Amino acid sequence: MSSRSLTKAMRQQWQEEGYLLIKGALTRQEAGTCLAEADRVVEEYRKADVARFSRGAFTIIQVLERTGAFDPLMDHPGTFGVILDLMGPYLQIMGSQIYVRHPSDEALQSWHTDAGPSLRQIRVDPTSLPLQFKVQFFLTDIPEPDRANFCLVPGSHRREFPETGFPKGENPPGAIQLCAEAGDAVIFPYALWHSVACNRSQNVRRSVIFRYGQMWCRPYDYEKVAAEVLARMTPRRRRLMGDLGESYTATDYYKPKDQIEVIMGGLS
């Protein structure tokens, strides 16, 4: 499978609206395999506190520490070419998570931007390389509104988020709910206003996300990846997790000499 590339229309949408919905990033079979593994990880996690993790919404972080089944998503041809076209090759994975959204009549998440109040105040020019963004792979179908849909305000990545925020369940003007199929992926930057709608279906929505950032940014949910996790990965995936080998200096995270070769090698 050749790597998908960013088209002119996609770049324009990214700059103006602040997100991309990539249809069929994964095949239905790939999405089904990932869903089965996500459910296994969730069940292990749920056993720690059945009452807490059987309702509403919760997130499991450091997913790559829990399973190797999602490694192929790190540089999957359905998304990785687009990721590179948007962010460039000097990038790193900042974190990996599973999102679980149970049925609920209330909004499952209030409106927010990602990574805290400091990054919220940094809005780069739309034509600039982004600092950080997320890629969310949907593992279950979301065919209509109010099924724990990912919600966003197109173009909000270029506007200041209100200091007082929005009450949970109250939508800002222009808000939309994305409908998606298992295998679709959405890419969006930290500054985009987003939330999660209520889930009035009987189904639990599950998805997997990877947060990418310029490689000099600090990782989001780990300090250093365990050696046993890196051991199972390809050189490119190791580099995506910030591994520069044994002999490196701090400045190598700004300008590693072999980055192009490692990241771009084998892509078609």
C-alpha atoms as a PDB file:
ATOM      1  CA  MET A   1       0.000   0.000   0.000  1.00  0.00           C
ATOM      2  CA  SER A   2       1.516   3.331  -1.078  1.00  0.00           C
ATOM      3  CA  SER A   3       1.567   6.181   1.400  1.00  0.00           C
ATOM      4  CA  ARG A   4      -1.264   8.697   1.141  1.00  0.00           C
ATOM      5  CA  SER A   5      -0.130  12.279   0.459  1.00  0.00           C
ATOM      6  CA  LEU A   6      -1.544  15.669   1.307  1.00  0.00           C
ATOM      7  CA  THR A   7      -3.460  17.206  -1.591  1.00  0.00           C
ATOM      8  CA  LYS A   8      -3.815  20.925  -2.314  1.00  0.00           C
ATOM      9  CA  ALA A   9      -7.458  20.813  -1.175  1.00  0.00           C
ATOM     10  CA  MET A  10      -6.502  19.030   2.050  1.00  0.00           C
ATOM     11  CA  ARG A  11      -3.815  21.620   2.835  1.00  0.00           C
ATOM     12  CA  GLN A  12      -6.314  24.424   2.266  1.00  0.00           C
ATOM     13  CA  GLN A  13      -8.825  22.756   4.586  1.00  0.00           C
ATOM     14  CA  TRP A  14      -6.125  22.243   7.218  1.00  0.00           C
ATOM     15  CA  GLN A  15      -5.138  25.898   7.122  1.00  0.00           C
ATOM     16  CA  GLU A  16      -8.683  27.276   7.069  1.00  0.00           C
ATOM     17  CA  GLU A  17     -10.694  24.789   9.128  1.00  0.00           C
ATOM     18  CA  GLY A  18      -7.987  23.232  11.291  1.00  0.00           C
ATOM     19  CA  TYR A  19      -8.705  19.537  10.795  1.00  0.00           C
ATOM     20  CA  LEU A  20      -8.720  16.685   8.267  1.00  0.00           C
ATOM     21  CA  LEU A  21     -11.013  13.670   8.249  1.00  0.00           C
ATOM     22  CA  ILE A  22      -9.278  10.884   6.335  1.00  0.00           C
ATOM     23  CA  LYS A  23     -11.797   8.322   5.163  1.00  0.00           C
ATOM     24  CA  GLY A  24     -10.640   4.710   5.128  1.00  0.00           C
ATOM     25  CA  ALA A  25      -7.246   5.390   6.671  1.00  0.00           C
ATOM     26  CA  LEU A  26      -7.426   1.801   7.954  1.00  0.00           C
ATOM     27  CA  THR A  27      -9.206  -1.079   6.289  1.00  0.00           C
ATOM     28  CA  ARG A  28     -12.240  -2.491   8.086  1.00  0.00           C
ATOM     29  CA  GLN A  29     -10.171  -5.574   8.901  1.00  0.00           C
ATOM     30  CA  GLU A  30      -7.368  -3.478  10.394  1.00  0.00           C
ATOM     31  CA  ALA A  31      -9.872  -1.477  12.421  1.00  0.00           C
ATOM     32  CA  GLY A  32     -11.462  -4.693  13.678  1.00  0.00           C
ATOM     33  CA  THR A  33      -8.097  -6.108  14.740  1.00  0.00           C
ATOM     34  CA  CYS A  34      -7.255  -2.894  16.590  1.00  0.00           C
ATOM     35  CA  LEU A  35     -10.687  -2.846  18.239  1.00  0.00           C
ATOM     36  CA  ALA A  36     -10.241  -6.374  19.578  1.00  0.00           C
ATOM     37  CA  GLU A  37      -6.875  -5.446  21.077  1.00  0.00           C
ATOM     38  CA  ALA A  38      -8.236  -2.174  22.455  1.00  0.00           C
ATOM     39  CA  ASP A  39     -11.026  -4.100  24.182  1.00  0.00           C
ATOM     40  CA  ARG A  40      -8.474  -6.478  25.702  1.00  0.00           C
ATOM     41  CA  VAL A  41      -6.443  -3.563  27.074  1.00  0.00           C
ATOM     42  CA  VAL A  42      -9.596  -1.841  28.324  1.00  0.00           C
ATOM     43  CA  GLU A  43     -10.741  -4.970  30.122  1.00  0.00           C
ATOM     44  CA  GLU A  44      -7.391  -5.261  31.911  1.00  0.00           C
ATOM     45  CA  TYR A  45      -7.624  -1.606  32.861  1.00  0.00           C
ATOM     46  CA  ARG A  46     -11.267  -1.861  33.929  1.00  0.00           C
ATOM     47  CA  LYS A  47     -10.568  -4.617  36.442  1.00  0.00           C
ATOM     48  CA  ALA A  48      -8.780  -2.061  38.594  1.00  0.00           C
ATOM     49  CA  ASP A  49     -12.029  -0.150  39.248  1.00  0.00           C
ATOM     50  CA  VAL A  50     -15.153  -1.647  37.679  1.00  0.00           C
ATOM     51  CA  ALA A  51     -17.508   1.089  38.868  1.00  0.00           C
ATOM     52  CA  ARG A  52     -15.387   3.949  37.570  1.00  0.00           C
ATOM     53  CA  PHE A  53     -14.477   2.485  34.213  1.00  0.00           C
ATOM     54  CA  SER A  54     -17.870   1.078  33.202  1.00  0.00           C
ATOM     55  CA  ARG A  55     -19.637   4.373  32.494  1.00  0.00           C
ATOM     56  CA  GLY A  56     -19.134   7.841  31.049  1.00  0.00           C
ATOM     57  CA  ALA A  57     -15.794   8.540  29.425  1.00  0.00           C
ATOM     58  CA  PHE A  58     -12.224   7.656  30.260  1.00  0.00           C
ATOM     59  CA  THR A  59      -8.787   7.573  28.684  1.00  0.00           C
ATOM     60  CA  ILE A  60      -5.966   5.030  28.924  1.00  0.00           C
ATOM     61  CA  ILE A  61      -2.543   6.595  28.391  1.00  0.00           C
ATOM     62  CA  GLN A  62       0.822   5.099  27.447  1.00  0.00           C
ATOM     63  CA  VAL A  63      -0.870   2.511  25.251  1.00  0.00           C
ATOM     64  CA  LEU A  64       2.376   1.500  23.550  1.00  0.00           C
ATOM     65  CA  GLU A  65       3.616   0.377  26.964  1.00  0.00           C
ATOM     66  CA  ARG A  66       0.636  -2.011  27.179  1.00  0.00           C
ATOM     67  CA  THR A  67       0.599  -3.610  23.727  1.00  0.00           C
ATOM     68  CA  GLY A  68       2.533  -3.765  20.472  1.00  0.00           C
ATOM     69  CA  ALA A  69      -0.617  -4.247  18.394  1.00  0.00           C
ATOM     70  CA  PHE A  70      -0.880  -0.538  17.592  1.00  0.00           C
ATOM     71  CA  ASP A  71       2.727  -0.117  16.444  1.00  0.00           C
ATOM     72  CA  PRO A  72       1.718  -0.252  12.743  1.00  0.00           C
ATOM     73  CA  LEU A  73      -0.492   2.815  13.276  1.00  0.00           C
ATOM     74  CA  MET A  74       2.552   4.927  14.161  1.00  0.00           C
ATOM     75  CA  ASP A  75       3.615   5.150  10.502  1.00  0.00           C
ATOM     76  CA  HIS A  76       0.621   3.644   8.728  1.00  0.00           C
ATOM     77  CA  PRO A  77       0.512   4.434   4.983  1.00  0.00           C
ATOM     78  CA  GLY A  78      -3.088   5.605   5.358  1.00  0.00           C
ATOM     79  CA  THR A  79      -1.951   8.598   7.420  1.00  0.00           C
ATOM     80  CA  PHE A  80       1.831   8.876   7.696  1.00  0.00           C
ATOM     81  CA  GLY A  81       2.450  10.594   4.366  1.00  0.00           C
ATOM     82  CA  VAL A  82      -0.107  13.241   5.319  1.00  0.00           C
ATOM     83  CA  ILE A  83       1.485  13.597   8.761  1.00  0.00           C
ATOM     84  CA  LEU A  84       4.909  14.174   7.185  1.00  0.00           C
ATOM     85  CA  ASP A  85       3.525  16.650   4.639  1.00  0.00           C
ATOM     86  CA  LEU A  86       1.951  18.642   7.470  1.00  0.00           C
ATOM     87  CA  MET A  87       4.630  18.446  10.183  1.00  0.00           C
ATOM     88  CA  GLY A  88       7.831  17.625   8.313  1.00  0.00           C
ATOM     89  CA  PRO A  89      10.257  14.793   9.124  1.00  0.00           C
ATOM     90  CA  TYR A  90      11.675  16.229  12.386  1.00  0.00           C
ATOM     91  CA  LEU A  91       8.878  14.812  14.490  1.00  0.00           C
ATOM     92  CA  GLN A  92       8.245  12.582  17.478  1.00  0.00           C
ATOM     93  CA  ILE A  93       5.271  10.774  18.987  1.00  0.00           C
ATOM     94  CA  MET A  94       4.373  12.626  22.179  1.00  0.00           C
ATOM     95  CA  GLY A  95       1.880  10.083  23.508  1.00  0.00           C
ATOM     96  CA  SER A  96      -0.552   7.251  22.748  1.00  0.00           C
ATOM     97  CA  GLN A  97      -4.013   6.745  24.207  1.00  0.00           C
ATOM     98  CA  ILE A  98      -7.222   4.735  23.985  1.00  0.00           C
ATOM     99  CA  TYR A  99     -10.470   6.687  24.323  1.00  0.00           C
ATOM    100  CA  VAL A 100     -13.542   4.918  25.693  1.00  0.00           C
ATOM    101  CA  ARG A 101     -16.950   6.659  25.521  1.00  0.00           C
ATOM    102  CA  HIS A 102     -19.879   4.889  27.195  1.00  0.00           C
ATOM    103  CA  PRO A 103     -23.586   5.718  26.631  1.00  0.00           C
ATOM    104  CA  SER A 104     -24.607   8.894  28.420  1.00  0.00           C
ATOM    105  CA  ASP A 105     -27.288  11.569  27.979  1.00  0.00           C
ATOM    106  CA  GLU A 106     -24.782  14.257  28.916  1.00  0.00           C
ATOM    107  CA  ALA A 107     -21.870  15.671  26.937  1.00  0.00           C
ATOM    108  CA  LEU A 108     -18.925  13.391  27.626  1.00  0.00           C
ATOM    109  CA  GLN A 109     -16.342  16.165  27.555  1.00  0.00           C
ATOM    110  CA  SER A 110     -16.523  19.936  27.774  1.00  0.00           C
ATOM    111  CA  TRP A 111     -15.009  22.230  25.142  1.00  0.00           C
ATOM    112  CA  HIS A 112     -11.263  22.650  25.435  1.00  0.00           C
ATOM    113  CA  THR A 113      -7.927  22.865  23.668  1.00  0.00           C
ATOM    114  CA  ASP A 114      -5.120  20.381  24.314  1.00  0.00           C
ATOM    115  CA  ALA A 115      -1.983  20.436  26.465  1.00  0.00           C
ATOM    116  CA  GLY A 116      -2.883  23.086  28.986  1.00  0.00           C
ATOM    117  CA  PRO A 117      -3.210  26.867  29.287  1.00  0.00           C
ATOM    118  CA  SER A 118       0.314  27.749  28.120  1.00  0.00           C
ATOM    119  CA  LEU A 119       0.145  26.006  24.746  1.00  0.00           C
ATOM    120  CA  ARG A 120      -3.420  27.295  24.319  1.00  0.00           C
ATOM    121  CA  GLN A 121      -1.990  30.801  24.028  1.00  0.00           C
ATOM    122  CA  ILE A 122       0.379  29.852  21.195  1.00  0.00           C
ATOM    123  CA  ARG A 123      -1.340  29.949  17.819  1.00  0.00           C
ATOM    124  CA  VAL A 124       1.091  29.564  14.932  1.00  0.00           C
ATOM    125  CA  ASP A 125       0.427  30.945  11.473  1.00  0.00           C
ATOM    126  CA  PRO A 126      -1.818  28.530   9.515  1.00  0.00           C
ATOM    127  CA  THR A 127       0.893  28.161   6.856  1.00  0.00           C
ATOM    128  CA  SER A 128       3.542  27.275   9.468  1.00  0.00           C
ATOM    129  CA  LEU A 129       4.580  23.796  10.490  1.00  0.00           C
ATOM    130  CA  PRO A 130       2.366  22.802  13.447  1.00  0.00           C
ATOM    131  CA  LEU A 131       3.858  22.353  16.898  1.00  0.00           C
ATOM    132  CA  GLN A 132       1.688  19.384  17.855  1.00  0.00           C
ATOM    133  CA  PHE A 133      -1.370  17.559  16.613  1.00  0.00           C
ATOM    134  CA  LYS A 134      -3.343  14.395  17.269  1.00  0.00           C
ATOM    135  CA  VAL A 135      -4.304  11.596  14.908  1.00  0.00           C
ATOM    136  CA  GLN A 136      -7.404   9.791  16.143  1.00  0.00           C
ATOM    137  CA  PHE A 137      -8.280   6.427  14.576  1.00  0.00           C
ATOM    138  CA  PHE A 138     -11.948   5.559  15.030  1.00  0.00           C
ATOM    139  CA  LEU A 139     -12.431   1.855  15.753  1.00  0.00           C
ATOM    140  CA  THR A 140     -16.244   1.886  15.887  1.00  0.00           C
ATOM    141  CA  ASP A 141     -18.842   3.377  13.545  1.00  0.00           C
ATOM    142  CA  ILE A 142     -20.285   6.795  14.406  1.00  0.00           C
ATOM    143  CA  PRO A 143     -22.968   7.069  11.700  1.00  0.00           C
ATOM    144  CA  GLU A 144     -25.047   9.922  13.124  1.00  0.00           C
ATOM    145  CA  PRO A 145     -24.919  12.680  15.782  1.00  0.00           C
ATOM    146  CA  ASP A 146     -25.062  12.071  19.537  1.00  0.00           C
ATOM    147  CA  ARG A 147     -23.085   8.842  19.455  1.00  0.00           C
ATOM    148  CA  ALA A 148     -20.080  10.171  21.346  1.00  0.00           C
ATOM    149  CA  ASN A 149     -19.043  12.049  18.217  1.00  0.00           C
ATOM    150  CA  PHE A 150     -15.848  14.049  18.096  1.00  0.00           C
ATOM    151  CA  CYS A 151     -17.012  17.686  18.107  1.00  0.00           C
ATOM    152  CA  LEU A 152     -15.085  20.685  16.801  1.00  0.00           C
ATOM    153  CA  VAL A 153     -15.419  24.296  15.700  1.00  0.00           C
ATOM    154  CA  PRO A 154     -13.891  24.680  12.224  1.00  0.00           C
ATOM    155  CA  GLY A 155     -11.405  27.532  12.093  1.00  0.00           C
ATOM    156  CA  SER A 156     -11.172  27.879  15.873  1.00  0.00           C
ATOM    157  CA  HIS A 157      -7.467  26.988  15.861  1.00  0.00           C
ATOM    158  CA  ARG A 158      -6.866  30.576  14.738  1.00  0.00           C
ATOM    159  CA  ARG A 159      -8.917  32.162  17.535  1.00  0.00           C
ATOM    160  CA  GLU A 160      -8.343  32.709  21.237  1.00  0.00           C
ATOM    161  CA  PHE A 161     -10.216  30.241  23.427  1.00  0.00           C
ATOM    162  CA  PRO A 162     -12.508  32.097  25.890  1.00  0.00           C
ATOM    163  CA  GLU A 163     -10.910  32.423  29.303  1.00  0.00           C
ATOM    164  CA  THR A 164     -14.143  31.345  30.996  1.00  0.00           C
ATOM    165  CA  GLY A 165     -14.638  28.403  28.632  1.00  0.00           C
ATOM    166  CA  PHE A 166     -18.080  26.964  27.980  1.00  0.00           C
ATOM    167  CA  PRO A 167     -20.414  25.159  30.396  1.00  0.00           C
ATOM    168  CA  LYS A 168     -20.485  21.416  29.778  1.00  0.00           C
ATOM    169  CA  GLY A 169     -23.199  20.677  27.228  1.00  0.00           C
ATOM    170  CA  GLU A 170     -23.207  24.204  25.773  1.00  0.00           C
ATOM    171  CA  ASN A 171     -21.872  24.443  22.229  1.00  0.00           C
ATOM    172  CA  PRO A 172     -20.048  27.471  20.820  1.00  0.00           C
ATOM    173  CA  PRO A 173     -21.293  28.946  17.523  1.00  0.00           C
ATOM    174  CA  GLY A 174     -20.271  26.920  14.486  1.00  0.00           C
ATOM    175  CA  ALA A 175     -19.758  23.663  16.388  1.00  0.00           C
ATOM    176  CA  ILE A 176     -20.184  20.426  14.426  1.00  0.00           C
ATOM    177  CA  GLN A 177     -20.219  16.703  15.214  1.00  0.00           C
ATOM    178  CA  LEU A 178     -18.141  14.445  12.980  1.00  0.00           C
ATOM    179  CA  CYS A 179     -19.741  11.263  11.685  1.00  0.00           C
ATOM    180  CA  ALA A 180     -17.221   8.560  10.855  1.00  0.00           C
ATOM    181  CA  GLU A 181     -16.777   4.879  10.097  1.00  0.00           C
ATOM    182  CA  ALA A 182     -14.442   2.426  11.749  1.00  0.00           C
ATOM    183  CA  GLY A 183     -11.066   2.945  10.074  1.00  0.00           C
ATOM    184  CA  ASP A 184     -11.469   6.673   9.478  1.00  0.00           C
ATOM    185  CA  ALA A 185      -8.967   9.033  11.106  1.00  0.00           C
ATOM    186  CA  VAL A 186      -9.132  12.701  12.080  1.00  0.00           C
ATOM    187  CA  ILE A 187      -6.068  14.918  12.378  1.00  0.00           C
ATOM    188  CA  PHE A 188      -6.364  18.123  14.422  1.00  0.00           C
ATOM    189  CA  PRO A 189      -3.980  20.550  16.183  1.00  0.00           C
ATOM    190  CA  TYR A 190      -3.816  21.252  19.905  1.00  0.00           C
ATOM    191  CA  ALA A 191      -5.362  24.737  19.418  1.00  0.00           C
ATOM    192  CA  LEU A 192      -8.600  23.519  17.796  1.00  0.00           C
ATOM    193  CA  TRP A 193     -11.641  23.878  20.069  1.00  0.00           C
ATOM    194  CA  HIS A 194     -13.080  20.388  20.515  1.00  0.00           C
ATOM    195  CA  SER A 195     -15.201  18.198  22.776  1.00  0.00           C
ATOM    196  CA  VAL A 196     -17.126  14.908  22.832  1.00  0.00           C
ATOM    197  CA  ALA A 197     -20.884  14.743  22.334  1.00  0.00           C
ATOM    198  CA  CYS A 198     -23.291  12.703  24.432  1.00  0.00           C
ATOM    199  CA  ASN A 199     -23.750   9.057  23.482  1.00  0.00           C
ATOM    200  CA  ARG A 200     -27.456   8.258  23.142  1.00  0.00           C
ATOM    201  CA  SER A 201     -26.741   4.955  21.397  1.00  0.00           C
ATOM    202  CA  GLN A 202     -26.287   1.624  23.139  1.00  0.00           C
ATOM    203  CA  ASN A 203     -22.726   1.291  21.863  1.00  0.00           C
ATOM    204  CA  VAL A 204     -19.401   2.175  23.463  1.00  0.00           C
ATOM    205  CA  ARG A 205     -17.232   4.295  21.185  1.00  0.00           C
ATOM    206  CA  ARG A 206     -13.549   3.327  21.128  1.00  0.00           C
ATOM    207  CA  SER A 207     -10.665   5.026  19.358  1.00  0.00           C
ATOM    208  CA  VAL A 208      -6.878   5.168  19.452  1.00  0.00           C
ATOM    209  CA  ILE A 209      -4.875   8.384  19.226  1.00  0.00           C
ATOM    210  CA  PHE A 210      -1.270   9.296  18.640  1.00  0.00           C
ATOM    211  CA  ARG A 211      -0.036  12.772  19.506  1.00  0.00           C
ATOM    212  CA  TYR A 212       2.749  13.961  17.176  1.00  0.00           C
ATOM    213  CA  GLY A 213       4.966  16.969  17.776  1.00  0.00           C
ATOM    214  CA  GLN A 214       8.163  18.583  16.627  1.00  0.00           C
ATOM    215  CA  MET A 215      10.869  16.353  18.053  1.00  0.00           C
ATOM    216  CA  TRP A 216      12.232  19.055  20.355  1.00  0.00           C
ATOM    217  CA  CYS A 217       8.858  19.187  22.167  1.00  0.00           C
ATOM    218  CA  ARG A 218       8.577  17.241  25.420  1.00  0.00           C
ATOM    219  CA  PRO A 219       6.630  13.959  25.177  1.00  0.00           C
ATOM    220  CA  TYR A 220       3.145  14.113  26.626  1.00  0.00           C
ATOM    221  CA  ASP A 221       2.705  10.864  28.538  1.00  0.00           C
ATOM    222  CA  TYR A 222       6.195   9.402  28.954  1.00  0.00           C
ATOM    223  CA  GLU A 223       9.716  10.544  29.821  1.00  0.00           C
ATOM    224  CA  LYS A 224      11.665   7.714  28.233  1.00  0.00           C
ATOM    225  CA  VAL A 225      10.372   4.605  26.494  1.00  0.00           C
ATOM    226  CA  ALA A 226      11.212   1.270  28.093  1.00  0.00           C
ATOM    227  CA  ALA A 227      13.920  -0.742  26.347  1.00  0.00           C
ATOM    228  CA  GLU A 228      11.620  -3.741  25.881  1.00  0.00           C
ATOM    229  CA  VAL A 229       9.115  -1.565  24.019  1.00  0.00           C
ATOM    230  CA  LEU A 230      11.769  -0.150  21.696  1.00  0.00           C
ATOM    231  CA  ALA A 231      13.192  -3.628  21.071  1.00  0.00           C
ATOM    232  CA  ARG A 232      10.112  -4.737  19.137  1.00  0.00           C
ATOM    233  CA  MET A 233      10.052  -1.674  16.879  1.00  0.00           C
ATOM    234  CA  THR A 234      11.532  -0.819  13.491  1.00  0.00           C
ATOM    235  CA  PRO A 235      14.226   1.895  13.333  1.00  0.00           C
ATOM    236  CA  ARG A 236      11.681   4.464  12.140  1.00  0.00           C
ATOM    237  CA  ARG A 237       9.246   3.668  14.944  1.00  0.00           C
ATOM    238  CA  ARG A 238      12.063   3.783  17.490  1.00  0.00           C
ATOM    239  CA  ARG A 239      12.964   7.238  16.215  1.00  0.00           C
ATOM    240  CA  LEU A 240       9.310   8.288  16.359  1.00  0.00           C
ATOM    241  CA  MET A 241       9.446   7.405  20.055  1.00  0.00           C
ATOM    242  CA  GLY A 242      12.453   9.668  20.532  1.00  0.00           C
ATOM    243  CA  ASP A 243      15.190   7.032  20.487  1.00  0.00           C
ATOM    244  CA  LEU A 244      18.441   8.502  19.144  1.00  0.00           C
ATOM    245  CA  GLY A 245      20.644   5.591  20.147  1.00  0.00           C
ATOM    246  CA  GLU A 246      23.310   5.579  22.835  1.00  0.00           C
ATOM    247  CA  SER A 247      25.614   8.364  21.649  1.00  0.00           C
ATOM    248  CA  TYR A 248      23.695  11.628  21.322  1.00  0.00           C
ATOM    249  CA  THR A 249      23.542  15.100  22.793  1.00  0.00           C
ATOM    250  CA  ALA A 250      20.531  17.220  23.718  1.00  0.00           C
ATOM    251  CA  THR A 251      20.916  19.303  20.565  1.00  0.00           C
ATOM    252  CA  ASP A 252      20.361  16.177  18.436  1.00  0.00           C
ATOM    253  CA  TYR A 253      16.640  16.544  19.183  1.00  0.00           C
ATOM    254  CA  TYR A 254      16.787  19.792  17.189  1.00  0.00           C
ATOM    255  CA  LYS A 255      18.927  18.637  14.260  1.00  0.00           C
ATOM    256  CA  PRO A 256      19.709  14.904  14.141  1.00  0.00           C
ATOM    257  CA  LYS A 257      22.019  14.226  11.224  1.00  0.00           C
ATOM    258  CA  ASP A 258      20.316  11.030  10.033  1.00  0.00           C
ATOM    259  CA  GLN A 259      16.671  12.052  10.584  1.00  0.00           C
ATOM    260  CA  ILE A 260      15.678  12.222   6.903  1.00  0.00           C
ATOM    261  CA  GLU A 261      17.213   8.828   6.188  1.00  0.00           C
ATOM    262  CA  VAL A 262      15.534   7.156   9.181  1.00  0.00           C
ATOM    263  CA  ILE A 263      12.080   8.705   8.816  1.00  0.00           C
ATOM    264  CA  MET A 264      11.776   8.733   5.031  1.00  0.00           C
ATOM    265  CA  GLY A 265      13.487   5.416   4.316  1.00  0.00           C
ATOM    266  CA  GLY A 266      11.243   2.878   2.594  1.00  0.00           C
ATOM    267  CA  LEU A 267       8.351   5.277   1.951  1.00  0.00           C
ATOM    268  CA  SER A 268       6.814   5.227  -1.500  1.00  0.00           C
END
